[in-house]
């Protein structure tokens, strides 16, 4: 591995800030000062399921690097196991709507996590190291395999673009998570998701120092290129304008933690109580339950035992384009039951990311009067999913055409949440 420069961070951020395009550009320019002429630069960018300001920052970076006369500037989409974006979606995400080459960009590559020929092995985290990083939750070695564009000698510098928000697997999104699982192969993709499930969502989401964070940051040490991480904190205003509260750039560990500190104040809401029912008006960026499950991840902490979560999402049309068959075969269930299913199924053992998703959506369990583990609350879908599909995965069903939010708004034991899945709701601070 190449030697890394001393950790440094530039930028600013606070919950009350609303950074202008000029202020954002100045931070990007300062962050890229060390990139020399003739350098080869790869940008890792979020996919369409993330709402962020890449379309503002990326054109700045492209212009600055073109003026610096870098030899190559390409982009790789950190889509994890999601479906690829269309060309129009890629242009919208990067903010480059005309000829890419004329704006200093070469190729925008898709990540294909399940094709071995598209991956490169950079090293291995030993069983002893994994056990140490995860507090004993996992005690097996993990191969560090990434997209082959990260192979030694391909690029000198890697720019990581992305927003920092509470996240169910890593605690907060951002930083090294854009490598693992963003552009990782199956080994770390499955390991990180299952680790997040074993650590339990209630002890992970909205926390910075988590077992998953420690493992993905240790794995990121194998990346041979210099890494410059650009960590934003954004929200949507009532008129749908994207507001940037923070942008920190530089060392992947430090810049992430600066951003997470702002995100903690911006993206976590405290209710002071639990509710019998929560109605989640799902954010429009989540069109399948693989990502739309964030409604449960981020609202489960404020739902009473035996309560209900209603997810209203007429735009949600699938369980998962990638993993739907497996999810429908096994269904959502609390962690204890999922662990039993994993122990009995080689299919789930080979797809631990799916197993983790099953437990995460169910959120938490409780024991009924017979001692059987059941979900702590029920989930009812008012979406484009049909009733039979919902039944197969252990979810309730409402015809979304018959859903009326005003039927719930006057109930003091019901909370209606706009843009559900974006902010984390807790009863009180950790």
Protein backbone atom coordinates (compact mmCIF):
# COMPACT_ATOMS: atom_id res chain seq x y z
CA UNK A 1 0.00 0.00 0.00
CA UNK A 2 1.15 3.51 -0.74
CA UNK A 3 2.03 5.91 2.03
CA UNK A 4 -0.78 8.22 3.04
CA UNK A 5 -0.33 11.95 3.73
CA UNK A 6 -0.97 13.32 7.20
CA UNK A 7 -4.73 13.53 7.93
CA UNK A 8 -6.17 16.94 7.16
CA UNK A 9 -9.68 18.30 6.83
CA UNK A 10 -10.97 21.49 5.22
CA UNK A 11 -14.49 22.82 5.21
CA UNK A 12 -17.16 24.04 7.58
CA UNK A 13 -20.53 23.03 8.91
CA UNK A 14 -23.21 23.68 11.53
CA UNK A 15 -26.92 22.90 11.84
CA UNK A 16 -27.86 26.54 11.14
CA UNK A 17 -25.65 26.96 8.06
CA UNK A 18 -26.91 27.16 4.49
CA UNK A 19 -23.77 27.03 2.34
CA UNK A 20 -23.88 28.85 -0.99
CA UNK A 21 -22.56 27.38 -4.27
CA UNK A 22 -19.56 29.72 -4.05
CA UNK A 23 -18.76 28.56 -0.52
CA UNK A 24 -19.02 24.92 -1.61
CA UNK A 25 -16.77 25.53 -4.60
CA UNK A 26 -14.14 27.17 -2.40
CA UNK A 27 -14.03 24.10 -0.15
CA UNK A 28 -13.75 21.74 -3.11
CA UNK A 29 -10.96 23.85 -4.60
CA UNK A 30 -9.03 23.82 -1.33
CA UNK A 31 -9.49 20.07 -0.98
CA UNK A 32 -8.06 19.40 -4.45
CA UNK A 33 -4.97 21.59 -4.10
CA UNK A 34 -2.66 18.61 -3.68
CA UNK A 35 -3.71 16.95 -6.93
CA UNK A 36 -0.86 17.45 -9.39
CA UNK A 37 -0.93 17.91 -13.17
CA UNK A 38 -1.02 14.60 -15.10
CA UNK A 39 -2.66 12.84 -12.15
CA UNK A 40 -5.25 10.11 -12.75
CA UNK A 41 -8.35 10.71 -10.64
CA UNK A 42 -11.36 8.49 -9.96
CA UNK A 43 -14.52 9.88 -8.36
CA UNK A 44 -16.84 7.60 -6.41
CA UNK A 45 -20.36 8.99 -6.51
CA UNK A 46 -23.70 8.02 -4.91
CA UNK A 47 -26.50 6.48 -6.95
CA UNK A 48 -30.05 7.71 -7.47
CA UNK A 49 -31.31 6.33 -4.14
CA UNK A 50 -29.30 9.02 -2.32
CA UNK A 51 -30.45 12.63 -2.21
CA UNK A 52 -27.32 14.77 -2.04
CA UNK A 53 -25.46 17.69 -3.59
CA UNK A 54 -23.12 15.75 -5.90
CA UNK A 55 -24.67 17.61 -8.84
CA UNK A 56 -23.29 20.85 -7.34
CA UNK A 57 -19.88 19.60 -6.19
CA UNK A 58 -18.99 17.35 -9.11
CA UNK A 59 -18.97 20.04 -11.84
CA UNK A 60 -16.72 22.16 -9.61
CA UNK A 61 -14.30 19.28 -9.23
CA UNK A 62 -14.34 18.54 -12.97
CA UNK A 63 -13.60 22.17 -13.82
CA UNK A 64 -10.84 22.47 -11.21
CA UNK A 65 -9.17 19.23 -12.33
CA UNK A 66 -9.38 20.22 -16.00
CA UNK A 67 -7.64 23.50 -15.18
CA UNK A 68 -5.05 21.46 -13.26
CA UNK A 69 -4.56 19.44 -16.48
CA UNK A 70 -5.01 16.03 -14.91
CA UNK A 71 -4.43 13.14 -17.28
CA UNK A 72 -7.64 11.29 -16.49
CA UNK A 73 -10.85 11.91 -14.54
CA UNK A 74 -13.49 9.17 -14.38
CA UNK A 75 -16.40 8.33 -12.09
CA UNK A 76 -17.65 5.08 -10.54
CA UNK A 77 -21.16 4.78 -9.13
CA UNK A 78 -21.27 3.43 -5.58
CA UNK A 79 -24.48 1.53 -6.22
CA UNK A 80 -23.73 -1.41 -3.94
CA UNK A 81 -26.16 -4.11 -5.07
CA UNK A 82 -28.68 -1.63 -6.54
CA UNK A 83 -29.65 -1.59 -10.20
CA UNK A 84 -27.56 0.67 -12.51
CA UNK A 85 -28.68 4.21 -13.25
CA UNK A 86 -29.69 5.27 -16.75
CA UNK A 87 -27.46 7.66 -18.68
CA UNK A 88 -29.90 10.48 -17.94
CA UNK A 89 -29.81 9.67 -14.22
CA UNK A 90 -26.01 9.65 -14.25
CA UNK A 91 -25.92 13.06 -15.89
CA UNK A 92 -28.41 14.41 -13.38
CA UNK A 93 -26.39 13.00 -10.48
CA UNK A 94 -23.11 14.49 -11.72
CA UNK A 95 -24.65 17.79 -12.84
CA UNK A 96 -23.02 17.36 -16.27
CA UNK A 97 -25.74 17.65 -18.88
CA UNK A 98 -23.74 18.32 -22.04
CA UNK A 99 -20.77 16.56 -23.60
CA UNK A 100 -18.89 14.85 -20.74
CA UNK A 101 -15.47 15.07 -22.37
CA UNK A 102 -15.90 18.80 -22.95
CA UNK A 103 -16.45 19.18 -19.21
CA UNK A 104 -13.35 17.23 -18.26
CA UNK A 105 -14.91 13.84 -17.49
CA UNK A 106 -14.00 10.56 -19.15
CA UNK A 107 -16.22 7.58 -18.29
CA UNK A 108 -18.96 6.99 -15.70
CA UNK A 109 -18.69 3.32 -14.71
CA UNK A 110 -21.33 1.10 -13.13
CA UNK A 111 -20.29 -1.16 -10.26
CA UNK A 112 -21.04 -4.84 -10.76
CA UNK A 113 -20.66 -6.34 -7.31
CA UNK A 114 -21.43 -9.96 -8.26
CA UNK A 115 -19.10 -10.36 -11.28
CA UNK A 116 -15.67 -11.68 -10.14
CA UNK A 117 -13.97 -10.44 -13.29
CA UNK A 118 -14.97 -6.87 -12.37
CA UNK A 119 -13.32 -7.08 -8.92
CA UNK A 120 -9.81 -6.99 -7.53
CA UNK A 121 -8.60 -8.44 -4.22
CA UNK A 122 -6.54 -5.91 -2.27
CA UNK A 123 -5.90 -7.95 0.85
CA UNK A 124 -7.56 -9.66 3.77
CA UNK A 125 -8.68 -8.78 7.27
CA UNK A 126 -7.56 -11.70 9.41
CA UNK A 127 -9.99 -13.54 11.67
CA UNK A 128 -8.18 -12.12 14.69
CA UNK A 129 -8.42 -8.57 13.34
CA UNK A 130 -12.10 -8.96 12.43
CA UNK A 131 -12.87 -10.30 15.89
CA UNK A 132 -11.08 -7.32 17.44
CA UNK A 133 -12.85 -4.77 15.19
CA UNK A 134 -16.32 -6.23 15.72
CA UNK A 135 -16.13 -6.93 19.42
CA UNK A 136 -16.38 -10.65 18.75
CA UNK A 137 -19.58 -10.47 16.68
CA UNK A 138 -17.72 -11.94 13.69
CA UNK A 139 -14.61 -14.10 14.05
CA UNK A 140 -13.87 -15.09 10.47
CA UNK A 141 -11.40 -13.55 8.03
CA UNK A 142 -12.84 -11.29 5.34
CA UNK A 143 -11.38 -10.75 1.88
CA UNK A 144 -11.10 -7.10 0.86
CA UNK A 145 -12.29 -7.08 -2.74
CA UNK A 146 -13.30 -3.93 -4.57
CA UNK A 147 -14.13 -2.79 -8.06
CA UNK A 148 -11.13 -3.47 -10.30
CA UNK A 149 -10.75 0.26 -11.00
CA UNK A 150 -9.23 0.42 -7.49
CA UNK A 151 -6.37 -1.91 -8.47
CA UNK A 152 -2.85 -0.58 -7.76
CA UNK A 153 -1.58 1.71 -10.49
CA UNK A 154 -4.96 2.54 -12.06
CA UNK A 155 -5.53 5.91 -10.35
CA UNK A 156 -3.41 8.19 -8.18
CA UNK A 157 -6.29 9.80 -6.26
CA UNK A 158 -9.81 8.73 -5.36
CA UNK A 159 -12.46 11.39 -4.60
CA UNK A 160 -15.40 10.18 -2.53
CA UNK A 161 -18.58 12.25 -2.89
CA UNK A 162 -21.54 11.68 -0.61
CA UNK A 163 -23.93 12.84 2.08
CA UNK A 164 -23.76 11.86 5.74
CA UNK A 165 -27.02 10.69 7.35
CA UNK A 166 -27.98 8.13 10.01
CA UNK A 167 -27.68 4.62 8.60
CA UNK A 168 -28.89 1.23 9.79
CA UNK A 169 -25.76 -0.80 8.93
CA UNK A 170 -22.86 1.56 9.63
CA UNK A 171 -24.45 4.02 12.09
CA UNK A 172 -24.03 6.91 9.68
CA UNK A 173 -23.61 6.85 5.91
CA UNK A 174 -20.57 8.50 4.38
CA UNK A 175 -16.82 8.08 4.36
CA UNK A 176 -15.56 4.51 3.98
CA UNK A 177 -19.10 3.21 3.48
CA UNK A 178 -18.83 4.39 -0.14
CA UNK A 179 -16.18 1.70 -0.57
CA UNK A 180 -17.87 -0.99 1.51
CA UNK A 181 -20.46 -1.92 0.35
CA UNK A 182 -20.64 0.91 -2.23
CA UNK A 183 -18.07 -0.55 -4.65
CA UNK A 184 -17.23 -3.79 -2.86
CA UNK A 185 -17.49 -7.42 -3.85
CA UNK A 186 -19.78 -9.91 -2.12
CA UNK A 187 -17.47 -10.79 0.79
CA UNK A 188 -17.51 -7.40 2.50
CA UNK A 189 -21.00 -6.57 1.24
CA UNK A 190 -22.46 -9.58 3.04
CA UNK A 191 -20.17 -9.26 6.06
CA UNK A 192 -20.94 -5.60 6.72
CA UNK A 193 -24.71 -6.02 6.41
CA UNK A 194 -24.81 -9.10 8.63
CA UNK A 195 -22.54 -7.42 11.15
CA UNK A 196 -24.95 -4.49 11.31
CA UNK A 197 -27.81 -6.91 11.99
CA UNK A 198 -25.89 -8.81 14.68
CA UNK A 199 -25.00 -5.54 16.43
CA UNK A 200 -28.77 -4.77 16.28
CA UNK A 201 -30.25 -1.75 14.58
CA UNK A 202 -31.15 -0.08 17.87
CA UNK A 203 -27.49 -0.05 18.96
CA UNK A 204 -26.12 1.01 15.56
CA UNK A 205 -28.28 3.56 13.79
CA UNK A 206 -27.34 7.17 14.58
CA UNK A 207 -24.05 6.24 16.27
CA UNK A 208 -20.59 7.06 14.92
CA UNK A 209 -18.37 4.43 16.54
CA UNK A 210 -19.93 1.13 15.50
CA UNK A 211 -18.46 -2.31 14.75
CA UNK A 212 -19.32 -1.87 11.08
CA UNK A 213 -17.66 1.55 10.88
CA UNK A 214 -14.51 0.15 12.45
CA UNK A 215 -14.39 -2.77 10.00
CA UNK A 216 -14.99 -0.73 6.84
CA UNK A 217 -12.39 1.86 7.87
CA UNK A 218 -9.84 -0.89 8.47
CA UNK A 219 -10.67 -2.33 5.04
CA UNK A 220 -10.27 1.10 3.42
CA UNK A 221 -6.62 1.10 4.50
CA UNK A 222 -6.01 -1.38 1.67
CA UNK A 223 -6.98 1.14 -1.01
CA UNK A 224 -3.64 1.95 -2.72
CA UNK A 225 -4.55 5.42 -4.02
CA UNK A 226 -4.71 8.62 -1.99
CA UNK A 227 -8.27 9.23 -0.82
CA UNK A 228 -9.95 12.62 -0.54
CA UNK A 229 -13.38 12.30 1.02
CA UNK A 230 -16.02 15.01 0.51
CA UNK A 231 -18.70 14.66 3.20
CA UNK A 232 -21.84 16.78 2.95
CA UNK A 233 -24.80 17.19 5.28
CA UNK A 234 -27.99 18.17 3.43
CA UNK A 235 -31.72 18.53 4.01
CA UNK A 236 -34.74 19.51 1.92
CA UNK A 237 -36.57 22.74 2.70
CA UNK A 238 -40.37 22.98 2.60
CA UNK A 239 -40.17 24.26 -0.99
CA UNK A 240 -38.00 21.22 -1.91
CA UNK A 241 -34.73 23.14 -2.17
CA UNK A 242 -31.65 21.15 -1.21
CA UNK A 243 -29.88 22.90 1.66
CA UNK A 244 -26.25 22.12 2.54
CA UNK A 245 -25.48 22.47 6.24
CA UNK A 246 -21.91 21.20 6.03
CA UNK A 247 -19.12 20.17 3.72
CA UNK A 248 -15.92 18.67 5.12
CA UNK A 249 -13.21 17.33 2.82
CA UNK A 250 -9.96 15.48 3.30
CA UNK A 251 -9.03 12.48 5.45
CA UNK A 252 -11.74 9.84 5.11
CA UNK A 253 -12.01 9.18 8.85
CA UNK A 254 -11.82 12.74 10.15
CA UNK A 255 -13.96 14.41 7.48
CA UNK A 256 -16.69 11.82 8.04
CA UNK A 257 -16.71 12.41 11.80
CA UNK A 258 -16.94 16.18 11.38
CA UNK A 259 -19.95 15.67 9.09
CA UNK A 260 -21.57 13.10 11.38
CA UNK A 261 -21.45 15.55 14.26
CA UNK A 262 -23.51 18.02 12.21
CA UNK A 263 -25.80 15.28 10.89
CA UNK A 264 -26.48 14.17 14.46
CA UNK A 265 -28.07 17.56 15.15
CA UNK A 266 -29.80 17.90 11.77
CA UNK A 267 -31.11 14.41 10.98
CA UNK A 268 -32.13 13.03 14.38
CA UNK A 269 -35.50 14.11 15.76
CA UNK A 270 -36.60 13.45 19.34
CA UNK A 271 -40.29 12.89 20.07
CA UNK A 272 -40.20 12.38 23.85
CA UNK A 273 -42.70 9.51 23.55
CA UNK A 274 -43.70 6.44 21.56
CA UNK A 275 -46.79 6.15 19.35
CA UNK A 276 -49.27 3.36 18.76
CA UNK A 277 -49.16 4.14 15.06
CA UNK A 278 -46.71 5.91 12.79
CA UNK A 279 -47.68 6.80 9.22
CA UNK A 280 -44.61 7.05 7.01
CA UNK A 281 -45.07 9.11 3.85
CA UNK A 282 -42.08 7.53 2.14
CA UNK A 283 -39.49 9.75 0.46
CA UNK A 284 -39.75 9.63 -3.33
CA UNK A 285 -36.14 8.44 -3.74
CA UNK A 286 -37.06 4.99 -2.44
CA UNK A 287 -38.93 3.05 -5.14
CA UNK A 288 -38.34 -0.47 -3.82
CA UNK A 289 -38.41 -1.91 -0.31
CA UNK A 290 -34.68 -2.74 -0.36
CA UNK A 291 -34.15 0.99 0.24
CA UNK A 292 -37.69 1.92 1.31
CA UNK A 293 -37.16 -0.18 4.43
CA UNK A 294 -35.54 2.97 5.80
CA UNK A 295 -39.04 3.97 6.92
CA UNK A 296 -38.91 1.13 9.44
CA UNK A 297 -35.22 1.58 10.30
CA UNK A 298 -35.63 5.23 11.13
CA UNK A 299 -39.06 5.18 12.78
CA UNK A 300 -39.07 1.86 14.63
CA UNK A 301 -37.61 3.39 17.77
CA UNK A 302 -40.75 5.47 18.41
CA UNK A 303 -43.38 2.75 17.82
CA UNK A 304 -44.95 1.05 20.82
CA UNK A 305 -44.90 -2.72 21.26
CA UNK A 306 -47.86 -4.12 19.38
CA UNK A 307 -48.13 -0.89 17.38
CA UNK A 308 -48.23 -0.31 13.65
CA UNK A 309 -46.15 1.32 10.95
CA UNK A 310 -48.05 2.27 7.80
CA UNK A 311 -45.78 2.95 4.82
CA UNK A 312 -47.58 5.08 2.23
CA UNK A 313 -45.64 4.89 -1.04
CA UNK A 314 -47.63 4.71 -4.28
CA UNK A 315 -44.29 4.99 -6.13
CA UNK A 316 -42.79 1.88 -4.46
CA UNK A 317 -43.27 -0.87 -7.03
CA UNK A 318 -41.01 -3.76 -6.00
CA UNK A 319 -39.47 -5.54 -3.02
CA UNK A 320 -36.07 -5.53 -4.73
CA UNK A 321 -35.05 -5.80 -8.38
CA UNK A 322 -31.85 -7.57 -7.28
CA UNK A 323 -32.85 -9.62 -4.24
CA UNK A 324 -36.66 -9.83 -4.51
CA UNK A 325 -36.93 -13.60 -5.07
CA UNK A 326 -34.91 -14.42 -1.95
CA UNK A 327 -36.74 -11.90 0.20
CA UNK A 328 -40.11 -13.24 -0.93
CA UNK A 329 -38.96 -16.80 -0.23
CA UNK A 330 -38.01 -16.16 3.40
CA UNK A 331 -39.97 -13.06 4.46
CA UNK A 332 -39.28 -10.35 7.01
CA UNK A 333 -38.75 -11.51 10.59
CA UNK A 334 -37.02 -10.43 13.83
CA UNK A 335 -33.29 -11.12 14.17
CA UNK A 336 -33.65 -14.20 16.38
CA UNK A 337 -35.83 -15.89 13.78
CA UNK A 338 -33.57 -14.78 10.93
CA UNK A 339 -30.57 -16.28 12.71
CA UNK A 340 -32.46 -19.57 12.90
CA UNK A 341 -33.23 -19.37 9.17
CA UNK A 342 -29.58 -18.63 8.38
CA UNK A 343 -28.43 -21.62 10.44
CA UNK A 344 -30.68 -23.90 8.38
CA UNK A 345 -30.19 -22.36 4.92
CA UNK A 346 -27.01 -22.47 2.87
CA UNK A 347 -28.80 -20.09 0.49
CA UNK A 348 -29.08 -17.40 3.18
CA UNK A 349 -25.57 -18.17 4.42
CA UNK A 350 -24.37 -17.21 0.95
CA UNK A 351 -26.55 -14.09 0.94
CA UNK A 352 -26.09 -12.56 4.37
CA UNK A 353 -26.89 -9.06 3.09
CA UNK A 354 -30.40 -10.32 2.32
CA UNK A 355 -30.65 -11.99 5.74
CA UNK A 356 -29.65 -8.71 7.38
CA UNK A 357 -32.30 -6.85 5.38
CA UNK A 358 -34.98 -9.28 6.58
CA UNK A 359 -34.11 -8.50 10.20
CA UNK A 360 -33.58 -4.78 9.71
CA UNK A 361 -37.01 -4.17 8.16
CA UNK A 362 -38.68 -6.16 10.93
CA UNK A 363 -36.60 -3.91 13.25
CA UNK A 364 -36.99 -5.76 16.57
CA UNK A 365 -38.77 -8.67 18.16
CA UNK A 366 -40.74 -9.55 21.25
CA UNK A 367 -42.15 -12.80 22.64
CA UNK A 368 -45.85 -13.48 22.46
CA UNK A 369 -47.87 -15.33 25.09
CA UNK A 370 -46.63 -18.69 23.77
CA UNK A 371 -42.98 -17.60 23.95
CA UNK A 372 -42.62 -17.35 20.18
CA UNK A 373 -40.53 -14.47 18.79
CA UNK A 374 -42.74 -12.09 16.79
CA UNK A 375 -42.17 -8.60 15.38
CA UNK A 376 -42.41 -5.81 17.96
CA UNK A 377 -44.81 -3.95 15.67
CA UNK A 378 -46.63 -4.76 12.44
CA UNK A 379 -45.87 -3.10 9.12
CA UNK A 380 -48.64 -2.30 6.65
CA UNK A 381 -47.87 -1.31 3.06
CA UNK A 382 -49.96 1.22 1.13
CA UNK A 383 -47.91 1.04 -2.04
CA UNK A 384 -47.84 -0.34 -5.57
CA UNK A 385 -47.07 -3.79 -4.14
CA UNK A 386 -50.01 -6.19 -4.47
CA UNK A 387 -51.59 -7.92 -1.49
CA UNK A 388 -50.19 -11.37 -2.30
CA UNK A 389 -46.61 -10.05 -2.39
CA UNK A 390 -47.09 -8.31 0.95
CA UNK A 391 -48.44 -11.50 2.50
CA UNK A 392 -45.48 -13.53 1.22
CA UNK A 393 -43.03 -11.26 3.05
CA UNK A 394 -45.12 -11.01 6.26
CA UNK A 395 -46.37 -7.45 5.69
CA UNK A 396 -49.89 -6.07 5.86
CA UNK A 397 -51.66 -4.46 2.92
CA UNK A 398 -53.82 -1.40 2.29
CA UNK A 399 -54.93 -0.31 -1.16
CA UNK A 400 -53.02 2.97 -1.50
CA UNK A 401 -55.92 4.46 -3.45
CA UNK A 402 -58.04 4.18 -0.32
CA UNK A 403 -55.42 5.77 1.96
CA UNK A 404 -56.17 9.28 3.21
CA UNK A 405 -53.68 10.92 5.54
CA UNK A 406 -56.37 13.11 7.08
CA UNK A 407 -57.90 9.94 8.55
CA UNK A 408 -54.85 9.72 10.83
CA UNK A 409 -53.75 13.29 11.49
CA UNK A 410 -56.23 14.03 14.30
CA UNK A 411 -55.35 10.91 16.29
CA UNK A 412 -53.08 11.85 19.25
CA UNK A 413 -51.59 8.33 19.27
CA UNK A 414 -50.56 8.57 15.60
CA UNK A 415 -47.57 10.44 14.16
CA UNK A 416 -47.54 11.31 10.45
CA UNK A 417 -44.01 11.71 9.07
CA UNK A 418 -43.24 13.52 5.82
CA UNK A 419 -40.37 12.28 3.60
CA UNK A 420 -40.04 9.23 5.80
CA UNK A 421 -36.73 7.41 5.60
CA UNK A 422 -34.59 10.54 5.61
CA UNK A 423 -34.49 11.48 9.31
CA UNK A 424 -34.01 9.22 12.32
CA UNK A 425 -36.68 9.50 15.01
CA UNK A 426 -35.85 8.57 18.61
CA UNK A 427 -37.74 8.98 21.87
CA UNK A 428 -34.78 10.63 23.58
CA UNK A 429 -31.01 11.10 23.03
CA UNK A 430 -28.82 7.99 23.20
